[in-house]
Amino acid sequence: MKVNKAEIVISAVKPEQYPDTNLPEIALAGRSNVGKSSFINKMINRKNLARTSQKPGKTQTLNFYIINDVMYFVDVPGYGFAKVSKKEREAWGRMIETYIQQREQLKVVVQIIDIRHDPSKDDVMMYEWLKHFEIPVILIATKADKIPKGKWQKHLKNISTVLGRKKEDPLLIFSSETGQGKDEAWATIQSYTLDNE
C-alpha cells in the first residue's frame, strides 16, 4: 500500500475518546523498546510521526494514527517494562484490555517480537491472552537486519515454538532499517481489513 497521508488523530485512554468512525483498526503491541514506533514510521514512510524513544515505557496512551483516510494504526503501550509503577502498569493493562475486548473496529493485532531473541514471558502471555479472546494476530519478527539471513528461519522456528503459534497467524520477517518485509506486512494487514469490511 502506498501511504500518501498519515497523521496522529488522538491519544486516548478511555472508550469515549476513541475516534467515532467505522474504519478498520489495527492495534500494535510489543515489548517496550522492541521497535513499534520504528515499525509504524517505516510502514507509513515517515521519519518520526511515531516518536521513537531511548526510554522504554514512553507510550502511555492508545495512539490512533489515521492512514490514507482508510484505516487506523493504534499504538498501545509497550508491555514488560519494569520501571513504571505497578499501579501504572495495572492502569495500562485495563486500558488495553478494554480496547481489545470491546472495540468492534479492531480487525487484527500486530504483535512485534525481536527476531534475535526467543519471545519473553510477556510476549507469550500477550499472545496467549489475544488467543483467549479469539483476536487474529499478525506476528512481526523485527530487527532482521541484525542477524545473518541464513539464520532467519531458525529464529522464526524458535519464535513459533515458544509462542505456541497458531497456524492461522502469519509470522513475517521485518526490518525498519532496510524495509525488508514491508510490502508483505502491508499485504497481510490489508487482507484483514478488506475481508472484514
N, C-alpha and C. Protein backbone atom coordinates (compact mmCIF):
# COMPACT_ATOMS: atom_id res chain seq x y z
N MET A 1 0.84 -1.18 0.00
CA MET A 1 0.00 0.00 0.00
C MET A 1 0.89 1.25 0.00
N LYS A 2 0.53 2.19 -0.84
CA LYS A 2 1.29 3.44 -0.89
C LYS A 2 0.62 4.42 0.09
N VAL A 3 1.38 4.86 1.06
CA VAL A 3 0.82 5.78 2.06
C VAL A 3 1.09 7.22 1.64
N ASN A 4 0.01 7.95 1.38
CA ASN A 4 0.14 9.36 1.00
C ASN A 4 -0.18 10.28 2.16
N LYS A 5 -0.90 9.73 3.14
CA LYS A 5 -1.34 10.59 4.22
C LYS A 5 -1.35 9.78 5.52
N ALA A 6 -0.76 10.34 6.54
CA ALA A 6 -0.77 9.68 7.85
C ALA A 6 -0.65 10.74 8.91
N GLU A 7 -1.52 10.69 9.90
CA GLU A 7 -1.39 11.65 10.99
C GLU A 7 -1.96 11.07 12.28
N ILE A 8 -1.45 11.55 13.39
CA ILE A 8 -1.99 11.11 14.67
C ILE A 8 -3.27 11.90 14.91
N VAL A 9 -4.31 11.19 15.30
CA VAL A 9 -5.62 11.80 15.47
C VAL A 9 -5.88 12.10 16.93
N ILE A 10 -5.61 11.12 17.78
CA ILE A 10 -5.86 11.32 19.21
C ILE A 10 -5.05 10.32 20.03
N SER A 11 -4.69 10.74 21.23
CA SER A 11 -4.13 9.81 22.21
C SER A 11 -5.24 9.59 23.24
N ALA A 12 -5.75 8.38 23.28
CA ALA A 12 -6.94 8.10 24.10
C ALA A 12 -6.60 7.22 25.29
N VAL A 13 -7.36 7.38 26.36
CA VAL A 13 -7.21 6.45 27.49
C VAL A 13 -8.53 5.76 27.80
N LYS A 14 -9.64 6.29 27.27
CA LYS A 14 -10.92 5.61 27.54
C LYS A 14 -11.80 5.61 26.30
N PRO A 15 -12.77 4.68 26.25
CA PRO A 15 -13.56 4.48 25.03
C PRO A 15 -14.21 5.74 24.47
N GLU A 16 -14.68 6.64 25.35
CA GLU A 16 -15.36 7.83 24.80
C GLU A 16 -14.40 8.75 24.04
N GLN A 17 -13.10 8.49 24.16
CA GLN A 17 -12.12 9.32 23.41
C GLN A 17 -11.74 8.68 22.07
N TYR A 18 -12.13 7.43 21.85
CA TYR A 18 -11.75 6.77 20.59
C TYR A 18 -12.40 7.51 19.42
N PRO A 19 -11.76 7.46 18.23
CA PRO A 19 -12.36 8.12 17.07
C PRO A 19 -13.75 7.54 16.77
N ASP A 20 -14.66 8.41 16.42
CA ASP A 20 -16.03 7.98 16.16
C ASP A 20 -16.19 7.68 14.67
N THR A 21 -15.59 6.58 14.23
CA THR A 21 -15.69 6.17 12.82
C THR A 21 -15.83 4.65 12.78
N ASN A 22 -16.17 4.16 11.60
CA ASN A 22 -16.23 2.70 11.43
C ASN A 22 -15.04 2.16 10.66
N LEU A 23 -13.99 2.97 10.52
CA LEU A 23 -12.82 2.50 9.77
C LEU A 23 -12.15 1.35 10.52
N PRO A 24 -11.58 0.39 9.77
CA PRO A 24 -10.89 -0.72 10.43
C PRO A 24 -9.67 -0.24 11.21
N GLU A 25 -9.40 -0.91 12.33
CA GLU A 25 -8.27 -0.55 13.18
C GLU A 25 -7.34 -1.74 13.35
N ILE A 26 -6.05 -1.44 13.33
CA ILE A 26 -5.00 -2.44 13.52
C ILE A 26 -4.21 -2.01 14.75
N ALA A 27 -4.25 -2.83 15.79
CA ALA A 27 -3.51 -2.47 17.01
C ALA A 27 -2.10 -3.02 16.92
N LEU A 28 -1.15 -2.27 17.49
CA LEU A 28 0.25 -2.70 17.50
C LEU A 28 0.69 -2.92 18.93
N ALA A 29 1.11 -4.14 19.20
CA ALA A 29 1.52 -4.49 20.55
C ALA A 29 2.94 -5.02 20.52
N GLY A 30 3.65 -4.84 21.63
CA GLY A 30 5.01 -5.36 21.70
C GLY A 30 5.66 -4.92 22.99
N ARG A 31 6.74 -5.60 23.31
CA ARG A 31 7.51 -5.24 24.49
C ARG A 31 8.04 -3.82 24.35
N SER A 32 8.19 -3.14 25.47
CA SER A 32 8.80 -1.81 25.42
C SER A 32 10.15 -1.89 24.72
N ASN A 33 10.42 -0.95 23.85
CA ASN A 33 11.70 -0.88 23.13
C ASN A 33 11.91 -1.96 22.07
N VAL A 34 10.83 -2.65 21.66
CA VAL A 34 11.01 -3.68 20.64
C VAL A 34 11.07 -3.06 19.24
N GLY A 35 10.64 -1.79 19.13
CA GLY A 35 10.70 -1.13 17.83
C GLY A 35 9.33 -0.89 17.20
N LYS A 36 8.30 -0.73 18.04
CA LYS A 36 6.95 -0.47 17.50
C LYS A 36 6.90 0.84 16.72
N SER A 37 7.46 1.89 17.32
CA SER A 37 7.42 3.21 16.65
C SER A 37 8.20 3.16 15.34
N SER A 38 9.33 2.48 15.34
CA SER A 38 10.12 2.36 14.10
C SER A 38 9.33 1.59 13.04
N PHE A 39 8.60 0.56 13.47
CA PHE A 39 7.76 -0.22 12.55
C PHE A 39 6.70 0.69 11.92
N ILE A 40 6.01 1.47 12.78
CA ILE A 40 4.96 2.37 12.28
C ILE A 40 5.56 3.37 11.28
N ASN A 41 6.66 3.99 11.67
CA ASN A 41 7.28 5.01 10.80
C ASN A 41 7.70 4.42 9.45
N LYS A 42 8.24 3.20 9.48
CA LYS A 42 8.66 2.56 8.23
C LYS A 42 7.45 2.25 7.35
N MET A 43 6.39 1.75 7.98
CA MET A 43 5.20 1.36 7.22
C MET A 43 4.54 2.57 6.56
N ILE A 44 4.63 3.74 7.20
CA ILE A 44 3.94 4.91 6.65
C ILE A 44 4.91 5.91 5.99
N ASN A 45 6.16 5.48 5.81
CA ASN A 45 7.17 6.32 5.14
C ASN A 45 7.38 7.67 5.81
N ARG A 46 7.38 7.67 7.12
CA ARG A 46 7.61 8.93 7.82
C ARG A 46 8.77 8.72 8.78
N LYS A 47 9.59 9.75 8.92
CA LYS A 47 10.74 9.61 9.81
C LYS A 47 10.34 9.49 11.27
N ASN A 48 9.44 10.36 11.72
CA ASN A 48 9.17 10.34 13.16
C ASN A 48 7.76 10.77 13.52
N LEU A 49 6.79 10.24 12.78
CA LEU A 49 5.41 10.51 13.18
C LEU A 49 5.14 9.81 14.52
N ALA A 50 5.55 8.52 14.57
CA ALA A 50 5.50 7.83 15.86
C ALA A 50 6.85 8.10 16.52
N ARG A 51 6.81 8.65 17.71
CA ARG A 51 8.07 9.05 18.34
C ARG A 51 8.81 7.85 18.89
N THR A 52 10.04 7.68 18.42
CA THR A 52 10.87 6.62 18.98
C THR A 52 11.58 7.20 20.19
N SER A 53 11.85 6.36 21.14
CA SER A 53 12.45 6.87 22.37
C SER A 53 13.50 5.91 22.89
N GLN A 54 14.52 6.46 23.48
CA GLN A 54 15.53 5.62 24.14
C GLN A 54 14.97 5.10 25.46
N LYS A 55 13.96 5.81 25.96
CA LYS A 55 13.38 5.42 27.25
C LYS A 55 12.17 4.53 27.02
N PRO A 56 12.26 3.26 27.42
CA PRO A 56 11.09 2.39 27.27
C PRO A 56 9.94 2.93 28.13
N GLY A 57 8.72 2.50 27.78
CA GLY A 57 7.57 2.89 28.58
C GLY A 57 7.06 4.28 28.26
N LYS A 58 7.46 4.80 27.08
CA LYS A 58 7.10 6.16 26.71
C LYS A 58 5.63 6.28 26.30
N THR A 59 5.15 5.28 25.54
CA THR A 59 3.75 5.31 25.12
C THR A 59 2.87 4.94 26.30
N GLN A 60 2.04 5.89 26.75
CA GLN A 60 1.20 5.60 27.92
C GLN A 60 -0.27 5.75 27.59
N THR A 61 -0.56 5.92 26.31
CA THR A 61 -1.94 6.07 25.88
C THR A 61 -2.14 5.20 24.64
N LEU A 62 -3.38 5.10 24.18
CA LEU A 62 -3.65 4.45 22.89
C LEU A 62 -3.55 5.54 21.84
N ASN A 63 -2.54 5.45 20.99
CA ASN A 63 -2.32 6.49 19.98
C ASN A 63 -2.93 6.05 18.64
N PHE A 64 -3.92 6.80 18.18
CA PHE A 64 -4.63 6.48 16.93
C PHE A 64 -4.03 7.27 15.77
N TYR A 65 -3.49 6.54 14.78
CA TYR A 65 -2.93 7.17 13.58
C TYR A 65 -3.85 6.83 12.41
N ILE A 66 -4.34 7.85 11.70
CA ILE A 66 -5.17 7.56 10.53
C ILE A 66 -4.28 7.48 9.30
N ILE A 67 -4.48 6.42 8.52
CA ILE A 67 -3.63 6.15 7.35
C ILE A 67 -4.49 6.26 6.09
N ASN A 68 -4.12 7.19 5.20
CA ASN A 68 -4.82 7.36 3.91
C ASN A 68 -6.33 7.50 4.05
N ASP A 69 -6.80 7.91 5.23
CA ASP A 69 -8.24 8.03 5.49
C ASP A 69 -9.00 6.72 5.32
N VAL A 70 -8.29 5.58 5.36
CA VAL A 70 -9.00 4.30 5.18
C VAL A 70 -8.87 3.36 6.37
N MET A 71 -7.91 3.59 7.24
CA MET A 71 -7.73 2.70 8.40
C MET A 71 -6.94 3.41 9.48
N TYR A 72 -6.95 2.82 10.67
CA TYR A 72 -6.16 3.34 11.78
C TYR A 72 -5.12 2.33 12.22
N PHE A 73 -3.93 2.82 12.55
CA PHE A 73 -2.99 2.07 13.38
C PHE A 73 -3.22 2.56 14.80
N VAL A 74 -3.28 1.64 15.74
CA VAL A 74 -3.46 2.03 17.14
C VAL A 74 -2.27 1.48 17.93
N ASP A 75 -1.41 2.39 18.34
CA ASP A 75 -0.20 2.02 19.09
C ASP A 75 -0.57 1.90 20.56
N VAL A 76 -0.39 0.71 21.13
CA VAL A 76 -0.73 0.52 22.54
C VAL A 76 0.55 0.53 23.38
N PRO A 77 0.45 0.87 24.67
CA PRO A 77 1.67 0.93 25.50
C PRO A 77 2.45 -0.39 25.47
N GLY A 78 3.78 -0.27 25.42
CA GLY A 78 4.63 -1.45 25.45
C GLY A 78 4.47 -2.19 26.78
N TYR A 79 4.60 -3.50 26.72
CA TYR A 79 4.46 -4.28 27.96
C TYR A 79 5.82 -4.77 28.45
N GLY A 80 5.83 -5.24 29.69
CA GLY A 80 7.04 -5.86 30.23
C GLY A 80 8.11 -4.88 30.64
N PHE A 81 7.75 -3.65 30.89
CA PHE A 81 8.77 -2.69 31.30
C PHE A 81 8.66 -2.44 32.79
N ALA A 82 9.74 -2.68 33.49
CA ALA A 82 9.71 -2.72 34.95
C ALA A 82 9.70 -1.35 35.63
N LYS A 83 10.16 -0.31 34.94
CA LYS A 83 10.37 0.95 35.66
C LYS A 83 9.13 1.78 35.92
N VAL A 84 7.98 1.35 35.39
CA VAL A 84 6.77 2.09 35.77
C VAL A 84 6.16 1.39 36.98
N SER A 85 5.41 2.14 37.76
CA SER A 85 4.86 1.56 39.00
C SER A 85 3.83 0.48 38.67
N LYS A 86 3.63 -0.39 39.64
CA LYS A 86 2.67 -1.49 39.47
C LYS A 86 1.28 -0.91 39.18
N LYS A 87 0.98 0.19 39.86
CA LYS A 87 -0.32 0.85 39.69
C LYS A 87 -0.50 1.33 38.24
N GLU A 88 0.57 1.93 37.71
CA GLU A 88 0.53 2.41 36.32
C GLU A 88 0.36 1.25 35.35
N ARG A 89 1.13 0.19 35.61
CA ARG A 89 1.03 -0.99 34.74
C ARG A 89 -0.37 -1.55 34.73
N GLU A 90 -1.00 -1.59 35.92
CA GLU A 90 -2.36 -2.12 36.01
C GLU A 90 -3.34 -1.23 35.25
N ALA A 91 -3.12 0.08 35.35
CA ALA A 91 -3.99 1.03 34.62
C ALA A 91 -3.84 0.82 33.11
N TRP A 92 -2.59 0.67 32.62
CA TRP A 92 -2.37 0.40 31.20
C TRP A 92 -3.05 -0.90 30.81
N GLY A 93 -2.89 -1.91 31.67
CA GLY A 93 -3.47 -3.23 31.40
C GLY A 93 -4.97 -3.12 31.19
N ARG A 94 -5.63 -2.38 32.08
CA ARG A 94 -7.10 -2.22 31.98
C ARG A 94 -7.47 -1.46 30.71
N MET A 95 -6.67 -0.44 30.39
CA MET A 95 -6.93 0.37 29.20
C MET A 95 -6.83 -0.49 27.93
N ILE A 96 -5.77 -1.30 27.86
CA ILE A 96 -5.54 -2.15 26.68
C ILE A 96 -6.64 -3.23 26.60
N GLU A 97 -6.95 -3.80 27.75
CA GLU A 97 -7.96 -4.86 27.82
C GLU A 97 -9.32 -4.34 27.33
N THR A 98 -9.70 -3.15 27.80
CA THR A 98 -10.98 -2.56 27.39
C THR A 98 -11.00 -2.37 25.89
N TYR A 99 -9.92 -1.81 25.36
CA TYR A 99 -9.87 -1.55 23.92
C TYR A 99 -9.96 -2.85 23.12
N ILE A 100 -9.13 -3.82 23.48
CA ILE A 100 -9.04 -5.04 22.67
C ILE A 100 -10.31 -5.89 22.78
N GLN A 101 -10.91 -5.92 23.96
CA GLN A 101 -12.11 -6.74 24.12
C GLN A 101 -13.37 -6.08 23.56
N GLN A 102 -13.42 -4.75 23.59
CA GLN A 102 -14.70 -4.10 23.27
C GLN A 102 -14.75 -3.40 21.92
N ARG A 103 -13.63 -3.15 21.32
CA ARG A 103 -13.62 -2.32 20.11
C ARG A 103 -13.98 -3.14 18.87
N GLU A 104 -15.14 -2.90 18.34
CA GLU A 104 -15.59 -3.68 17.17
C GLU A 104 -14.78 -3.38 15.92
N GLN A 105 -14.23 -2.17 15.84
CA GLN A 105 -13.46 -1.80 14.64
C GLN A 105 -12.09 -2.49 14.58
N LEU A 106 -11.67 -3.10 15.70
CA LEU A 106 -10.36 -3.77 15.72
C LEU A 106 -10.41 -5.04 14.87
N LYS A 107 -9.56 -5.09 13.85
CA LYS A 107 -9.57 -6.23 12.93
C LYS A 107 -8.48 -7.25 13.24
N VAL A 108 -7.32 -6.76 13.69
CA VAL A 108 -6.18 -7.66 13.92
C VAL A 108 -5.18 -6.93 14.82
N VAL A 109 -4.45 -7.72 15.60
CA VAL A 109 -3.37 -7.15 16.41
C VAL A 109 -2.04 -7.56 15.79
N VAL A 110 -1.19 -6.58 15.53
CA VAL A 110 0.17 -6.85 15.06
C VAL A 110 1.04 -6.93 16.31
N GLN A 111 1.56 -8.13 16.58
CA GLN A 111 2.44 -8.28 17.75
C GLN A 111 3.88 -8.33 17.26
N ILE A 112 4.68 -7.40 17.78
CA ILE A 112 6.06 -7.26 17.30
C ILE A 112 7.03 -7.92 18.27
N ILE A 113 7.87 -8.79 17.71
CA ILE A 113 8.82 -9.58 18.51
C ILE A 113 10.22 -9.35 17.93
N ASP A 114 11.21 -9.28 18.78
CA ASP A 114 12.61 -9.12 18.34
C ASP A 114 13.11 -10.48 17.84
N ILE A 115 13.44 -10.55 16.55
CA ILE A 115 13.84 -11.83 15.94
C ILE A 115 15.10 -12.42 16.59
N ARG A 116 15.90 -11.56 17.22
CA ARG A 116 17.19 -12.04 17.75
C ARG A 116 17.04 -12.92 18.98
N HIS A 117 15.91 -12.76 19.68
CA HIS A 117 15.75 -13.46 20.96
C HIS A 117 14.48 -14.30 20.96
N ASP A 118 14.48 -15.34 21.77
CA ASP A 118 13.24 -16.08 21.96
C ASP A 118 12.21 -15.14 22.61
N PRO A 119 10.93 -15.33 22.30
CA PRO A 119 9.91 -14.47 22.93
C PRO A 119 10.01 -14.51 24.45
N SER A 120 9.81 -13.36 25.07
CA SER A 120 9.87 -13.27 26.54
C SER A 120 8.57 -13.83 27.13
N LYS A 121 8.57 -13.98 28.45
CA LYS A 121 7.35 -14.42 29.14
C LYS A 121 6.20 -13.48 28.82
N ASP A 122 6.51 -12.17 28.79
CA ASP A 122 5.46 -11.18 28.49
C ASP A 122 4.93 -11.35 27.07
N ASP A 123 5.83 -11.65 26.12
CA ASP A 123 5.40 -11.90 24.73
C ASP A 123 4.42 -13.08 24.70
N VAL A 124 4.79 -14.14 25.39
CA VAL A 124 3.97 -15.35 25.40
C VAL A 124 2.61 -15.06 26.06
N MET A 125 2.65 -14.34 27.18
CA MET A 125 1.41 -14.00 27.88
C MET A 125 0.49 -13.18 27.00
N MET A 126 1.06 -12.20 26.31
CA MET A 126 0.26 -11.34 25.43
C MET A 126 -0.38 -12.16 24.32
N TYR A 127 0.42 -13.04 23.70
CA TYR A 127 -0.09 -13.85 22.60
C TYR A 127 -1.22 -14.77 23.09
N GLU A 128 -0.98 -15.41 24.23
CA GLU A 128 -2.00 -16.33 24.77
C GLU A 128 -3.27 -15.58 25.13
N TRP A 129 -3.10 -14.38 25.66
CA TRP A 129 -4.25 -13.55 26.04
C TRP A 129 -5.08 -13.19 24.81
N LEU A 130 -4.39 -12.79 23.74
CA LEU A 130 -5.10 -12.45 22.50
C LEU A 130 -5.83 -13.66 21.93
N LYS A 131 -5.19 -14.80 22.01
CA LYS A 131 -5.80 -16.04 21.50
C LYS A 131 -7.01 -16.44 22.35
N HIS A 132 -6.91 -16.19 23.66
CA HIS A 132 -8.02 -16.49 24.57
C HIS A 132 -9.28 -15.71 24.13
N PHE A 133 -9.07 -14.47 23.67
CA PHE A 133 -10.20 -13.65 23.23
C PHE A 133 -10.48 -13.79 21.73
N GLU A 134 -9.80 -14.77 21.12
CA GLU A 134 -10.02 -15.09 19.70
C GLU A 134 -9.76 -13.89 18.77
N ILE A 135 -8.70 -13.15 19.12
CA ILE A 135 -8.30 -12.00 18.30
C ILE A 135 -7.28 -12.48 17.26
N PRO A 136 -7.47 -12.17 15.98
CA PRO A 136 -6.44 -12.54 14.99
C PRO A 136 -5.14 -11.77 15.28
N VAL A 137 -4.03 -12.44 15.03
CA VAL A 137 -2.72 -11.82 15.30
C VAL A 137 -1.81 -11.97 14.07
N ILE A 138 -1.12 -10.89 13.74
CA ILE A 138 -0.02 -10.98 12.76
C ILE A 138 1.25 -10.81 13.58
N LEU A 139 2.14 -11.78 13.52
CA LEU A 139 3.40 -11.70 14.26
C LEU A 139 4.48 -11.13 13.35
N ILE A 140 5.14 -10.10 13.83
CA ILE A 140 6.21 -9.45 13.06
C ILE A 140 7.53 -9.68 13.80
N ALA A 141 8.44 -10.40 13.15
CA ALA A 141 9.77 -10.61 13.73
C ALA A 141 10.68 -9.50 13.20
N THR A 142 10.89 -8.49 14.04
CA THR A 142 11.60 -7.30 13.57
C THR A 142 13.10 -7.38 13.88
N LYS A 143 13.82 -6.39 13.40
CA LYS A 143 15.29 -6.30 13.57
C LYS A 143 16.01 -7.41 12.80
N ALA A 144 15.41 -7.81 11.67
CA ALA A 144 16.00 -8.88 10.85
C ALA A 144 17.38 -8.50 10.31
N ASP A 145 17.64 -7.20 10.18
CA ASP A 145 18.95 -6.76 9.67
C ASP A 145 20.07 -7.04 10.67
N LYS A 146 19.69 -7.37 11.92
CA LYS A 146 20.70 -7.57 12.97
C LYS A 146 21.24 -9.01 13.01
N ILE A 147 20.64 -9.90 12.25
CA ILE A 147 21.17 -11.27 12.21
C ILE A 147 21.35 -11.72 10.75
N PRO A 148 22.30 -12.65 10.50
CA PRO A 148 22.52 -13.10 9.12
C PRO A 148 21.27 -13.75 8.54
N LYS A 149 21.03 -13.51 7.27
CA LYS A 149 19.86 -14.04 6.57
C LYS A 149 19.73 -15.56 6.74
N GLY A 150 20.88 -16.23 6.72
CA GLY A 150 20.89 -17.69 6.85
C GLY A 150 20.30 -18.19 8.17
N LYS A 151 20.21 -17.32 9.14
CA LYS A 151 19.69 -17.75 10.46
C LYS A 151 18.22 -17.37 10.67
N TRP A 152 17.63 -16.67 9.71
CA TRP A 152 16.25 -16.20 9.88
C TRP A 152 15.28 -17.34 10.19
N GLN A 153 15.36 -18.39 9.38
CA GLN A 153 14.37 -19.48 9.54
C GLN A 153 14.47 -20.16 10.90
N LYS A 154 15.70 -20.32 11.36
CA LYS A 154 15.91 -20.94 12.69
C LYS A 154 15.26 -20.08 13.77
N HIS A 155 15.46 -18.77 13.67
CA HIS A 155 14.89 -17.85 14.67
C HIS A 155 13.36 -17.83 14.59
N LEU A 156 12.83 -17.88 13.36
CA LEU A 156 11.37 -17.90 13.20
C LEU A 156 10.77 -19.17 13.82
N LYS A 157 11.49 -20.26 13.63
CA LYS A 157 11.02 -21.54 14.19
C LYS A 157 10.98 -21.46 15.72
N ASN A 158 12.02 -20.86 16.31
CA ASN A 158 12.06 -20.70 17.77
C ASN A 158 10.89 -19.84 18.26
N ILE A 159 10.64 -18.75 17.54
CA ILE A 159 9.54 -17.85 17.93
C ILE A 159 8.21 -18.62 17.90
N SER A 160 7.98 -19.36 16.81
CA SER A 160 6.75 -20.15 16.67
C SER A 160 6.59 -21.13 17.81
N THR A 161 7.68 -21.82 18.11
CA THR A 161 7.64 -22.86 19.15
C THR A 161 7.37 -22.26 20.52
N VAL A 162 8.13 -21.22 20.87
CA VAL A 162 8.00 -20.64 22.21
C VAL A 162 6.60 -20.04 22.41
N LEU A 163 6.07 -19.39 21.37
CA LEU A 163 4.74 -18.78 21.49
C LEU A 163 3.62 -19.81 21.44
N GLY A 164 3.91 -20.97 20.84
CA GLY A 164 2.82 -21.91 20.57
C GLY A 164 1.92 -21.33 19.49
N ARG A 165 2.57 -20.80 18.43
CA ARG A 165 1.85 -20.07 17.38
C ARG A 165 0.80 -20.93 16.69
N LYS A 166 -0.37 -20.33 16.52
CA LYS A 166 -1.46 -20.99 15.77
C LYS A 166 -1.19 -20.82 14.27
N LYS A 167 -1.51 -21.87 13.52
CA LYS A 167 -1.23 -21.87 12.08
C LYS A 167 -1.83 -20.68 11.33
N GLU A 168 -3.00 -20.24 11.80
CA GLU A 168 -3.68 -19.16 11.06
C GLU A 168 -3.04 -17.79 11.26
N ASP A 169 -2.11 -17.67 12.21
CA ASP A 169 -1.49 -16.38 12.48
C ASP A 169 -0.17 -16.24 11.71
N PRO A 170 -0.11 -15.32 10.73
CA PRO A 170 1.12 -15.17 9.94
C PRO A 170 2.30 -14.72 10.81
N LEU A 171 3.49 -15.17 10.43
CA LEU A 171 4.72 -14.73 11.09
C LEU A 171 5.63 -14.18 10.00
N LEU A 172 5.89 -12.88 10.05
CA LEU A 172 6.63 -12.22 8.98
C LEU A 172 7.95 -11.64 9.47
N ILE A 173 8.93 -11.65 8.57
CA ILE A 173 10.24 -11.05 8.87
C ILE A 173 10.19 -9.58 8.50
N PHE A 174 10.82 -8.73 9.33
CA PHE A 174 10.75 -7.28 9.09
C PHE A 174 12.04 -6.61 9.54
N SER A 175 12.37 -5.52 8.86
CA SER A 175 13.46 -4.66 9.32
C SER A 175 13.08 -3.21 9.06
N SER A 176 13.08 -2.43 10.12
CA SER A 176 12.78 -0.99 9.97
C SER A 176 13.95 -0.27 9.30
N GLU A 177 15.13 -0.88 9.38
CA GLU A 177 16.32 -0.27 8.78
C GLU A 177 16.31 -0.42 7.26
N THR A 178 16.05 -1.63 6.79
CA THR A 178 16.17 -1.92 5.35
C THR A 178 14.83 -1.91 4.61
N GLY A 179 13.73 -1.98 5.37
CA GLY A 179 12.42 -2.07 4.72
C GLY A 179 12.05 -3.50 4.35
N GLN A 180 12.91 -4.45 4.71
CA GLN A 180 12.63 -5.87 4.48
C GLN A 180 11.25 -6.23 5.07
N GLY A 181 10.41 -6.84 4.24
CA GLY A 181 9.12 -7.34 4.73
C GLY A 181 8.00 -6.31 4.74
N LYS A 182 8.30 -5.09 4.34
CA LYS A 182 7.28 -4.03 4.42
C LYS A 182 6.08 -4.32 3.51
N ASP A 183 6.36 -4.69 2.25
CA ASP A 183 5.26 -4.95 1.31
C ASP A 183 4.41 -6.12 1.77
N GLU A 184 5.10 -7.13 2.26
CA GLU A 184 4.38 -8.32 2.75
C GLU A 184 3.52 -7.97 3.97
N ALA A 185 4.07 -7.13 4.84
CA ALA A 185 3.32 -6.71 6.03
C ALA A 185 2.06 -5.95 5.62
N TRP A 186 2.21 -5.04 4.64
CA TRP A 186 1.04 -4.29 4.17
C TRP A 186 0.00 -5.22 3.55
N ALA A 187 0.47 -6.14 2.70
CA ALA A 187 -0.47 -7.06 2.03
C ALA A 187 -1.23 -7.88 3.08
N THR A 188 -0.50 -8.31 4.11
CA THR A 188 -1.13 -9.14 5.15
C THR A 188 -2.14 -8.32 5.95
N ILE A 189 -1.75 -7.11 6.33
CA ILE A 189 -2.67 -6.23 7.08
C ILE A 189 -3.93 -5.96 6.25
N GLN A 190 -3.74 -5.68 4.97
CA GLN A 190 -4.89 -5.37 4.12
C GLN A 190 -5.82 -6.57 3.94
N SER A 191 -5.25 -7.77 3.99
CA SER A 191 -6.11 -8.95 3.87
C SER A 191 -7.11 -9.03 5.02
N TYR A 192 -6.72 -8.49 6.17
CA TYR A 192 -7.65 -8.48 7.32
C TYR A 192 -8.64 -7.32 7.22
N THR A 193 -8.17 -6.17 6.77
CA THR A 193 -9.07 -5.01 6.75
C THR A 193 -10.07 -5.12 5.61
N LEU A 194 -9.65 -5.68 4.48
CA LEU A 194 -10.56 -5.74 3.33
C LEU A 194 -11.56 -6.87 3.48
N ASP A 195 -11.09 -7.99 4.01
CA ASP A 195 -12.00 -9.14 4.18
C ASP A 195 -13.14 -8.83 5.13
N ASN A 196 -12.86 -7.91 6.06
CA ASN A 196 -13.81 -7.71 7.13
C ASN A 196 -14.70 -6.50 6.94
N GLU A 197 -14.52 -5.81 5.82
CA GLU A 197 -15.32 -4.59 5.66
C GLU A 197 -16.73 -4.93 5.23
